[in-house]
Amino acid sequence: MAKLYFRYGAMNSGKSTSLMQVAYNYEERGMKVIIIKPKTDTKGGNKITSRLGVERDVDMLLDTNEDAYSNIERHIKNKNTINCILVDEVQFLKSHHIDELFKVSVIMDIPVICYGLRTDFQMEGFEGSKRLLLLAHSIEEMKTICTCGKKALLNGRKINGKYVFEGNQIAIDNEDEVEYESLCPRCYFKYKAEFELN
C-alpha cells in the first residue's frame, strides 16, 4: 500500500529543493509525477521556486474549495499512470484536502509526499499541517540551522527588517517587505521579548 508522507521543516530547510529532487529521481527512471501546490501560495505563480535558483512548473494549483481526490482522478484519466504525487507548501491546504490526499494514497495506491511548515511565526499550527500530523503514515523532519548555529525549529516573521509576533497567519501585503527566517527556540524568545518591550 502507498503512503501519505509529511516532510516538514522550518524556513530554509530545503523543502522545495527536496521536492524537485524527488520529482527528478522519478522522472529519470521513466516514471510520472504530479506536482501540486495551493492556489493561496502566490509566490512563484504556477511554479515552485527554490532559494538555490531552481524552479519547476506545477501541474495543479489547488483552490480552497476544490476536491483534491477528484482533481487527481481527472488528471490521471488525461495522463495515464501516475507514480507519485508531490505537494509543496502543504500547510496552506485545508483539512479536507489532506483527507482527500490520504484517500488518494490508500484507494489509488499512489504515494503522496507533502512538504511544508509545521507552525507559523506565532508557533501556531497551520490547518493542513495539523491534519497531516494526525493522518500521515510517515512524518519526517527536515533540519536546518538558526543564524546562531543551533537547530532551527521555529519561523520568525520580519516586516521591513524587524521581527513581528502578531498579525494574520498568512501575510499578503504589497506595501511592506515581508520575509521569514528560521530560528532556534532561544533566539525566537529573545526576539519576541525585544518586540514586546517596544
Protein backbone atom coordinates (compact mmCIF):
# COMPACT_ATOMS: atom_id res chain seq x y z
CA MET A 1 0.00 0.00 0.00
CA ALA A 2 1.22 3.51 -0.83
CA LYS A 3 1.65 6.06 1.95
CA LEU A 4 0.91 9.70 2.74
CA TYR A 5 4.16 11.38 3.81
CA PHE A 6 4.62 14.68 5.65
CA ARG A 7 8.10 16.16 5.37
CA TYR A 8 8.19 19.33 7.45
CA GLY A 9 10.85 21.80 8.43
CA ALA A 10 11.42 25.43 9.36
CA MET A 11 12.05 28.01 6.66
CA ASN A 12 15.19 27.37 4.57
CA SER A 13 15.32 23.64 5.33
CA GLY A 14 15.31 22.75 1.62
CA LYS A 15 11.73 21.51 1.31
CA SER A 16 11.09 22.76 -2.26
CA THR A 17 14.56 21.72 -3.38
CA SER A 18 13.99 18.23 -2.00
CA LEU A 19 10.60 18.01 -3.73
CA MET A 20 12.18 18.87 -7.09
CA GLN A 21 14.95 16.31 -6.48
CA VAL A 22 12.36 13.60 -5.78
CA ALA A 23 10.48 14.56 -8.98
CA TYR A 24 13.72 14.37 -10.93
CA ASN A 25 14.54 10.94 -9.47
CA TYR A 26 11.16 9.52 -10.51
CA GLU A 27 11.34 11.03 -13.99
CA GLU A 28 14.90 9.85 -14.52
CA ARG A 29 13.52 6.33 -14.15
CA GLY A 30 10.77 6.97 -16.70
CA MET A 31 8.04 7.45 -14.07
CA LYS A 32 5.44 10.22 -13.94
CA VAL A 33 4.71 12.64 -11.11
CA ILE A 34 2.05 15.25 -10.41
CA ILE A 35 3.19 18.38 -8.58
CA ILE A 36 0.53 20.26 -6.63
CA LYS A 37 0.59 23.49 -4.66
CA PRO A 38 -2.17 25.54 -3.02
CA LYS A 39 -3.55 28.42 -5.07
CA THR A 40 -3.23 30.63 -1.98
CA ASP A 41 0.56 30.38 -2.27
CA THR A 42 1.08 33.19 -4.79
CA LYS A 43 4.89 33.13 -4.53
CA GLY A 44 6.19 31.96 -7.88
CA GLY A 45 2.76 31.84 -9.54
CA ASN A 46 2.36 28.43 -11.19
CA LYS A 47 5.95 27.45 -10.38
CA ILE A 48 7.79 26.02 -7.42
CA THR A 49 10.90 28.02 -6.67
CA SER A 50 13.90 27.14 -4.55
CA ARG A 51 16.33 29.50 -2.87
CA LEU A 52 19.04 27.70 -4.88
CA GLY A 53 17.58 29.28 -8.03
CA VAL A 54 15.90 26.10 -9.31
CA GLU A 55 12.28 26.25 -10.42
CA ARG A 56 9.68 23.95 -11.88
CA ASP A 57 6.14 24.23 -13.25
CA VAL A 58 3.28 22.97 -11.11
CA ASP A 59 0.77 20.55 -12.63
CA MET A 60 -2.12 21.55 -10.39
CA LEU A 61 -2.97 24.66 -8.38
CA LEU A 62 -5.49 23.55 -5.75
CA ASP A 63 -8.12 26.09 -4.71
CA THR A 64 -9.66 26.19 -1.23
CA ASN A 65 -12.99 24.60 -2.17
CA GLU A 66 -11.69 22.13 -4.75
CA ASP A 67 -11.65 18.38 -4.16
CA ALA A 68 -8.08 17.08 -4.42
CA TYR A 69 -9.20 13.47 -4.97
CA SER A 70 -11.49 14.36 -7.91
CA ASN A 71 -8.88 16.67 -9.46
CA ILE A 72 -6.22 13.96 -9.27
CA GLU A 73 -8.64 11.39 -10.67
CA ARG A 74 -9.35 13.67 -13.67
CA HIS A 75 -5.65 14.38 -14.15
CA ILE A 76 -4.83 10.67 -14.18
CA LYS A 77 -7.51 9.97 -16.81
CA ASN A 78 -5.79 12.51 -19.08
CA LYS A 79 -2.20 11.48 -18.32
CA ASN A 80 -2.50 7.71 -17.71
CA THR A 81 -0.31 6.24 -14.95
CA ILE A 82 1.00 8.47 -12.16
CA ASN A 83 3.72 7.04 -9.92
CA CYS A 84 3.93 9.76 -7.27
CA ILE A 85 2.16 12.94 -6.17
CA LEU A 86 4.26 15.75 -4.67
CA VAL A 87 2.71 18.67 -2.76
CA ASP A 88 4.57 21.90 -1.97
CA GLU A 89 3.54 24.44 0.72
CA VAL A 90 1.08 21.87 2.07
CA GLN A 91 0.47 23.91 5.23
CA PHE A 92 -1.84 26.18 3.20
CA LEU A 93 -4.20 23.35 2.25
CA LYS A 94 -7.45 22.77 4.14
CA SER A 95 -8.20 19.73 6.32
CA HIS A 96 -10.48 18.26 3.67
CA HIS A 97 -7.62 18.40 1.15
CA ILE A 98 -5.44 16.31 3.49
CA ASP A 99 -8.28 13.80 3.93
CA GLU A 100 -8.57 13.60 0.13
CA LEU A 101 -4.80 13.12 -0.31
CA PHE A 102 -4.88 10.39 2.34
CA LYS A 103 -7.67 8.71 0.33
CA VAL A 104 -5.55 9.00 -2.86
CA SER A 105 -2.65 7.16 -1.18
CA VAL A 106 -4.93 4.41 0.15
CA ILE A 107 -7.53 3.94 -2.61
CA MET A 108 -5.47 4.85 -5.71
CA ASP A 109 -2.33 3.31 -4.19
CA ILE A 110 -0.17 6.30 -5.20
CA PRO A 111 2.43 7.69 -2.77
CA VAL A 112 1.70 11.30 -1.80
CA ILE A 113 4.69 13.25 -0.43
CA CYS A 114 3.81 16.58 1.19
CA TYR A 115 6.32 19.30 2.07
CA GLY A 116 5.60 22.26 4.31
CA LEU A 117 5.84 24.13 7.58
CA ARG A 118 4.52 22.70 10.82
CA THR A 119 3.96 26.03 12.59
CA ASP A 120 3.63 29.71 11.73
CA PHE A 121 5.56 32.71 13.09
CA GLN A 122 3.44 32.65 16.30
CA MET A 123 4.10 28.94 16.98
CA GLU A 124 0.54 28.08 15.89
CA GLY A 125 -0.15 25.10 13.66
CA PHE A 126 -1.38 25.52 10.10
CA GLU A 127 -4.65 23.75 9.25
CA GLY A 128 -3.09 21.48 6.62
CA SER A 129 -0.12 20.61 8.83
CA LYS A 130 -2.26 19.80 11.86
CA ARG A 131 -4.35 17.37 9.83
CA LEU A 132 -1.22 15.76 8.34
CA LEU A 133 0.23 15.21 11.81
CA LEU A 134 -2.89 13.15 12.54
CA LEU A 135 -3.16 11.21 9.25
CA ALA A 136 0.24 10.85 7.61
CA HIS A 137 1.67 7.33 7.52
CA SER A 138 5.16 8.83 7.78
CA ILE A 139 6.31 12.10 9.38
CA GLU A 140 9.87 13.29 8.75
CA GLU A 141 11.65 16.42 9.94
CA MET A 142 13.89 18.30 7.51
CA LYS A 143 16.53 20.08 9.54
CA THR A 144 18.12 23.49 9.22
CA ILE A 145 20.03 25.88 11.48
CA CYS A 146 19.39 29.24 13.09
CA THR A 147 21.76 32.16 12.47
CA CYS A 148 23.33 31.33 15.87
CA GLY A 149 24.21 27.84 14.62
CA LYS A 150 21.72 25.87 16.73
CA LYS A 151 18.98 23.68 15.26
CA ALA A 152 16.07 25.81 13.99
CA LEU A 153 12.57 24.69 14.95
CA LEU A 154 10.57 27.88 14.54
CA ASN A 155 9.86 30.58 11.96
CA GLY A 156 10.29 34.30 12.57
CA ARG A 157 8.47 36.91 10.51
CA LYS A 158 10.19 40.18 9.67
CA ILE A 159 8.35 43.19 8.31
CA ASN A 160 10.64 45.86 6.87
CA GLY A 161 13.60 44.15 8.56
CA LYS A 162 12.11 43.91 12.08
CA TYR A 163 10.73 40.81 13.79
CA VAL A 164 6.99 40.86 14.49
CA PHE A 165 4.94 38.44 16.57
CA GLU A 166 1.38 39.50 15.79
CA GLY A 167 -0.71 39.64 12.65
CA ASN A 168 -2.50 37.30 10.25
CA GLN A 169 -1.16 33.79 9.76
CA ILE A 170 -0.71 34.41 6.03
CA ALA A 171 0.88 37.74 5.14
CA ILE A 172 -0.41 39.18 1.88
CA ASP A 173 0.82 42.73 1.92
CA ASN A 174 2.09 44.65 -1.07
CA GLU A 175 3.18 47.72 0.93
CA ASP A 176 5.66 46.17 3.35
CA GLU A 177 8.64 43.90 2.77
CA VAL A 178 7.75 40.60 4.46
CA GLU A 179 10.40 37.93 4.96
CA TYR A 180 10.85 34.85 7.13
CA GLU A 181 13.80 33.38 8.97
CA SER A 182 14.33 30.01 10.64
CA LEU A 183 15.09 30.37 14.34
CA CYS A 184 16.07 28.17 17.26
CA PRO A 185 13.71 28.46 20.26
CA ARG A 186 16.22 30.56 22.28
CA CYS A 187 16.60 33.18 19.53
CA TYR A 188 12.84 33.14 18.88
CA PHE A 189 12.07 34.04 22.50
CA LYS A 190 14.89 36.61 22.59
CA TYR A 191 13.44 38.44 19.54
CA LYS A 192 9.92 38.09 20.93
CA ALA A 193 10.97 39.71 24.24
CA GLU A 194 12.59 42.58 22.33
CA PHE A 195 9.40 43.01 20.27
CA GLU A 196 7.23 43.11 23.42
CA LEU A 197 9.46 45.79 25.01
CA ASN A 198 8.79 48.20 22.11
